[in-house]
Amino acid sequence: MRARLGDDIDDYCVKCKRIMNHSVVSLMGDEPAKVRCRTCHQDHDYRHEQPPPPKVDPRKAALFNEVLKTVAGAQPADGEAPAEADEKPKAKKKARA
């Protein structure tokens, strides 16, 4: 793709968090280097329509896996429902004044 300054291309906008129309702001060789979103006017590097990878906190993932192991070990036998699931909480009646 031979791009020129001012060309309209689709790219992932970091601020809008969507693939939007962009204008080419700068070039490196024949490829766009920087683009400007035509919706929010944010300048950013050309991302080739790829969103950034999700941010995953390794501490949260490890903690989640530990909790999941304890929950998975306490599952009821086949066809049995836990006792807490049978009882529904009763709504309290409000006293009218």
N, C-alpha and C. Protein backbone atom coordinates (compact mmCIF):
# COMPACT_ATOMS: atom_id res chain seq x y z
N MET A 1 0.84 -1.18 0.00
CA MET A 1 0.00 0.00 0.00
C MET A 1 0.88 1.24 0.00
N ARG A 2 0.73 2.04 -0.98
CA ARG A 2 1.47 3.30 -1.04
C ARG A 2 0.56 4.40 -0.52
N ALA A 3 0.85 4.87 0.67
CA ALA A 3 0.04 5.91 1.30
C ALA A 3 0.64 7.28 1.04
N ARG A 4 -0.22 8.28 1.06
CA ARG A 4 0.21 9.67 0.91
C ARG A 4 -0.32 10.46 2.10
N LEU A 5 0.30 11.58 2.38
CA LEU A 5 -0.17 12.43 3.48
C LEU A 5 -1.61 12.86 3.21
N GLY A 6 -2.44 12.76 4.23
CA GLY A 6 -3.83 13.17 4.11
C GLY A 6 -4.77 12.07 3.66
N ASP A 7 -4.24 10.91 3.25
CA ASP A 7 -5.11 9.80 2.83
C ASP A 7 -5.98 9.35 4.00
N ASP A 8 -7.17 8.86 3.67
CA ASP A 8 -8.07 8.29 4.68
C ASP A 8 -7.84 6.79 4.75
N ILE A 9 -7.56 6.30 5.96
CA ILE A 9 -7.38 4.87 6.18
C ILE A 9 -8.10 4.49 7.47
N ASP A 10 -8.40 3.21 7.61
CA ASP A 10 -9.00 2.70 8.83
C ASP A 10 -7.89 2.25 9.77
N ASP A 11 -8.05 2.57 11.05
CA ASP A 11 -7.09 2.14 12.06
C ASP A 11 -7.79 2.11 13.40
N TYR A 12 -7.19 1.41 14.37
CA TYR A 12 -7.74 1.34 15.72
C TYR A 12 -7.38 2.62 16.45
N CYS A 13 -8.40 3.33 16.95
CA CYS A 13 -8.18 4.57 17.70
C CYS A 13 -8.06 4.21 19.18
N VAL A 14 -6.99 4.68 19.81
CA VAL A 14 -6.74 4.38 21.21
C VAL A 14 -7.75 5.08 22.10
N LYS A 15 -8.14 6.29 21.74
CA LYS A 15 -9.06 7.06 22.56
C LYS A 15 -10.50 6.59 22.37
N CYS A 16 -10.92 6.37 21.13
CA CYS A 16 -12.29 5.91 20.84
C CYS A 16 -12.48 4.42 21.14
N LYS A 17 -11.38 3.69 21.16
CA LYS A 17 -11.38 2.24 21.38
C LYS A 17 -12.20 1.50 20.32
N ARG A 18 -12.06 1.93 19.08
CA ARG A 18 -12.74 1.32 17.93
C ARG A 18 -11.90 1.52 16.68
N ILE A 19 -12.24 0.79 15.65
CA ILE A 19 -11.63 1.02 14.35
C ILE A 19 -12.41 2.15 13.70
N MET A 20 -11.70 3.25 13.44
CA MET A 20 -12.33 4.47 12.92
C MET A 20 -11.56 4.95 11.69
N ASN A 21 -12.12 5.95 11.01
CA ASN A 21 -11.44 6.61 9.90
C ASN A 21 -10.32 7.49 10.45
N HIS A 22 -9.18 7.44 9.81
CA HIS A 22 -8.03 8.23 10.19
C HIS A 22 -7.44 8.91 8.96
N SER A 23 -6.72 9.98 9.19
CA SER A 23 -5.95 10.65 8.15
C SER A 23 -4.47 10.41 8.42
N VAL A 24 -3.71 10.18 7.36
CA VAL A 24 -2.28 9.96 7.49
C VAL A 24 -1.61 11.30 7.79
N VAL A 25 -0.82 11.34 8.88
CA VAL A 25 -0.15 12.56 9.29
C VAL A 25 1.32 12.53 8.92
N SER A 26 1.97 11.35 9.07
CA SER A 26 3.38 11.23 8.69
C SER A 26 3.63 9.86 8.11
N LEU A 27 4.67 9.79 7.30
CA LEU A 27 5.03 8.55 6.61
C LEU A 27 6.44 8.12 6.99
N MET A 28 6.68 6.80 6.94
CA MET A 28 8.01 6.25 7.06
C MET A 28 8.15 5.28 5.90
N GLY A 29 8.85 5.71 4.88
CA GLY A 29 8.92 4.93 3.64
C GLY A 29 7.58 5.07 2.93
N ASP A 30 6.94 3.95 2.59
CA ASP A 30 5.63 3.99 1.95
C ASP A 30 4.50 3.73 2.95
N GLU A 31 4.84 3.42 4.19
CA GLU A 31 3.84 3.07 5.20
C GLU A 31 3.53 4.28 6.09
N PRO A 32 2.27 4.41 6.52
CA PRO A 32 1.94 5.49 7.47
C PRO A 32 2.64 5.24 8.80
N ALA A 33 3.17 6.30 9.41
CA ALA A 33 3.82 6.20 10.71
C ALA A 33 2.89 6.74 11.79
N LYS A 34 2.30 7.89 11.54
CA LYS A 34 1.36 8.50 12.48
C LYS A 34 0.06 8.80 11.75
N VAL A 35 -1.04 8.65 12.48
CA VAL A 35 -2.36 8.93 11.92
C VAL A 35 -3.16 9.78 12.91
N ARG A 36 -4.18 10.46 12.41
CA ARG A 36 -5.06 11.29 13.23
C ARG A 36 -6.48 10.81 13.05
N CYS A 37 -7.14 10.50 14.17
CA CYS A 37 -8.53 10.04 14.14
C CYS A 37 -9.41 11.19 13.65
N ARG A 38 -10.30 10.90 12.72
CA ARG A 38 -11.17 11.94 12.18
C ARG A 38 -12.37 12.18 13.07
N THR A 39 -12.55 11.36 14.11
CA THR A 39 -13.67 11.54 15.03
C THR A 39 -13.25 12.35 16.25
N CYS A 40 -12.17 11.92 16.92
CA CYS A 40 -11.75 12.60 18.16
C CYS A 40 -10.50 13.47 17.97
N HIS A 41 -9.89 13.44 16.78
CA HIS A 41 -8.71 14.25 16.43
C HIS A 41 -7.48 13.91 17.27
N GLN A 42 -7.37 12.67 17.72
CA GLN A 42 -6.22 12.19 18.49
C GLN A 42 -5.15 11.68 17.53
N ASP A 43 -3.90 12.12 17.70
CA ASP A 43 -2.78 11.61 16.91
C ASP A 43 -2.16 10.42 17.62
N HIS A 44 -1.83 9.38 16.88
CA HIS A 44 -1.16 8.22 17.46
C HIS A 44 -0.45 7.46 16.37
N ASP A 45 0.39 6.50 16.78
CA ASP A 45 1.11 5.65 15.83
C ASP A 45 0.12 4.80 15.05
N TYR A 46 0.47 4.48 13.82
CA TYR A 46 -0.36 3.60 12.99
C TYR A 46 -0.27 2.19 13.55
N ARG A 47 -1.41 1.57 13.83
CA ARG A 47 -1.46 0.28 14.51
C ARG A 47 -1.87 -0.87 13.59
N HIS A 48 -2.03 -0.63 12.32
CA HIS A 48 -2.43 -1.66 11.35
C HIS A 48 -3.75 -2.31 11.75
N GLU A 49 -4.69 -1.51 12.27
CA GLU A 49 -6.04 -1.95 12.68
C GLU A 49 -6.02 -2.99 13.79
N GLN A 50 -4.94 -3.06 14.58
CA GLN A 50 -4.84 -4.03 15.67
C GLN A 50 -4.99 -3.32 17.01
N PRO A 51 -5.95 -3.76 17.84
CA PRO A 51 -6.06 -3.16 19.17
C PRO A 51 -4.89 -3.59 20.05
N PRO A 52 -4.55 -2.80 21.06
CA PRO A 52 -3.45 -3.20 21.94
C PRO A 52 -3.85 -4.42 22.76
N PRO A 53 -2.89 -5.23 23.21
CA PRO A 53 -3.24 -6.41 24.00
C PRO A 53 -3.87 -5.99 25.32
N PRO A 54 -4.78 -6.80 25.87
CA PRO A 54 -5.42 -6.44 27.14
C PRO A 54 -4.40 -6.43 28.27
N LYS A 55 -4.64 -5.53 29.20
CA LYS A 55 -3.74 -5.44 30.35
C LYS A 55 -4.20 -6.46 31.39
N VAL A 56 -3.32 -7.42 31.70
CA VAL A 56 -3.64 -8.46 32.67
C VAL A 56 -2.64 -8.35 33.80
N ASP A 57 -3.14 -8.16 35.00
CA ASP A 57 -2.28 -8.10 36.17
C ASP A 57 -1.97 -9.53 36.61
N PRO A 58 -0.71 -9.95 36.58
CA PRO A 58 -0.38 -11.34 36.92
C PRO A 58 -0.77 -11.70 38.36
N ARG A 59 -0.75 -10.71 39.27
CA ARG A 59 -1.14 -11.00 40.65
C ARG A 59 -2.62 -11.33 40.73
N LYS A 60 -3.45 -10.59 40.00
CA LYS A 60 -4.89 -10.86 40.00
C LYS A 60 -5.19 -12.20 39.36
N ALA A 61 -4.48 -12.52 38.29
CA ALA A 61 -4.70 -13.79 37.61
C ALA A 61 -4.32 -14.95 38.51
N ALA A 62 -3.21 -14.84 39.25
CA ALA A 62 -2.79 -15.90 40.16
C ALA A 62 -3.79 -16.06 41.29
N LEU A 63 -4.26 -14.95 41.84
CA LEU A 63 -5.24 -15.01 42.92
C LEU A 63 -6.55 -15.62 42.43
N PHE A 64 -6.97 -15.24 41.24
CA PHE A 64 -8.19 -15.79 40.66
C PHE A 64 -8.07 -17.30 40.48
N ASN A 65 -6.93 -17.76 40.00
CA ASN A 65 -6.72 -19.21 39.81
C ASN A 65 -6.74 -19.95 41.14
N GLU A 66 -6.20 -19.36 42.21
CA GLU A 66 -6.25 -19.99 43.52
C GLU A 66 -7.68 -20.12 44.02
N VAL A 67 -8.45 -19.06 43.87
CA VAL A 67 -9.85 -19.09 44.29
C VAL A 67 -10.63 -20.09 43.45
N LEU A 68 -10.35 -20.14 42.18
CA LEU A 68 -11.05 -21.07 41.29
C LEU A 68 -10.76 -22.52 41.68
N LYS A 69 -9.54 -22.82 42.10
CA LYS A 69 -9.21 -24.18 42.54
C LYS A 69 -10.01 -24.57 43.77
N THR A 70 -10.17 -23.65 44.72
CA THR A 70 -10.93 -23.98 45.93
C THR A 70 -12.40 -24.15 45.62
N VAL A 71 -12.94 -23.36 44.72
CA VAL A 71 -14.34 -23.47 44.34
C VAL A 71 -14.57 -24.74 43.54
N ALA A 72 -13.67 -25.08 42.66
CA ALA A 72 -13.83 -26.27 41.83
C ALA A 72 -13.78 -27.54 42.68
N GLY A 73 -13.01 -27.54 43.77
CA GLY A 73 -12.92 -28.70 44.65
C GLY A 73 -14.17 -28.89 45.49
N ALA A 74 -14.97 -27.85 45.68
CA ALA A 74 -16.15 -27.92 46.55
C ALA A 74 -17.44 -28.07 45.75
N GLN A 75 -17.36 -28.54 44.53
CA GLN A 75 -18.58 -28.68 43.73
C GLN A 75 -19.37 -29.88 44.19
N PRO A 76 -20.73 -29.81 44.15
CA PRO A 76 -21.57 -30.93 44.57
C PRO A 76 -21.47 -32.10 43.59
N ALA A 77 -21.93 -33.25 44.06
CA ALA A 77 -21.93 -34.44 43.20
C ALA A 77 -22.91 -34.25 42.05
N ASP A 78 -22.85 -35.15 41.05
CA ASP A 78 -23.70 -35.01 39.87
C ASP A 78 -25.18 -34.97 40.25
N GLY A 79 -25.89 -34.00 39.72
CA GLY A 79 -27.32 -33.91 39.92
C GLY A 79 -27.72 -33.28 41.24
N GLU A 80 -26.80 -33.11 42.18
CA GLU A 80 -27.13 -32.51 43.47
C GLU A 80 -26.95 -31.01 43.38
N ALA A 81 -27.89 -30.30 43.98
CA ALA A 81 -27.77 -28.85 44.05
C ALA A 81 -27.32 -28.50 45.45
N PRO A 82 -26.53 -27.49 45.63
CA PRO A 82 -26.12 -27.11 46.97
C PRO A 82 -27.32 -26.65 47.79
N ALA A 83 -27.24 -26.83 49.09
CA ALA A 83 -28.36 -26.51 49.97
C ALA A 83 -28.68 -25.02 49.94
N GLU A 84 -27.67 -24.16 49.79
CA GLU A 84 -27.89 -22.72 49.80
C GLU A 84 -28.69 -22.29 48.57
N ALA A 85 -28.59 -23.01 47.48
CA ALA A 85 -29.28 -22.62 46.26
C ALA A 85 -30.78 -22.88 46.36
N ASP A 86 -31.22 -23.84 47.22
CA ASP A 86 -32.64 -24.15 47.34
C ASP A 86 -33.38 -23.06 48.10
N GLU A 87 -32.73 -22.45 49.06
CA GLU A 87 -33.39 -21.45 49.88
C GLU A 87 -33.26 -20.09 49.21
N LYS A 88 -34.40 -19.40 49.12
CA LYS A 88 -34.38 -18.05 48.57
C LYS A 88 -34.45 -17.06 49.72
N PRO A 89 -33.71 -15.99 49.65
CA PRO A 89 -33.78 -15.01 50.73
C PRO A 89 -35.15 -14.33 50.73
N LYS A 90 -35.68 -14.14 51.94
CA LYS A 90 -36.99 -13.53 52.07
C LYS A 90 -36.82 -12.02 52.15
N ALA A 91 -37.69 -11.33 51.45
CA ALA A 91 -37.65 -9.88 51.46
C ALA A 91 -38.29 -9.36 52.74
N LYS A 92 -37.68 -8.35 53.31
CA LYS A 92 -38.23 -7.75 54.53
C LYS A 92 -39.30 -6.75 54.14
N LYS A 93 -40.38 -6.74 54.93
CA LYS A 93 -41.44 -5.77 54.70
C LYS A 93 -41.08 -4.47 55.42
N LYS A 94 -41.33 -3.39 54.73
CA LYS A 94 -41.05 -2.10 55.33
C LYS A 94 -42.26 -1.63 56.12
N ALA A 95 -42.02 -1.09 57.28
CA ALA A 95 -43.12 -0.57 58.09
C ALA A 95 -43.48 0.81 57.56
N ARG A 96 -44.78 1.01 57.38
CA ARG A 96 -45.24 2.32 56.89
C ARG A 96 -45.53 3.23 58.09
N ALA A 97 -45.08 4.42 57.96
CA ALA A 97 -45.29 5.36 59.07
C ALA A 97 -46.37 6.37 58.74
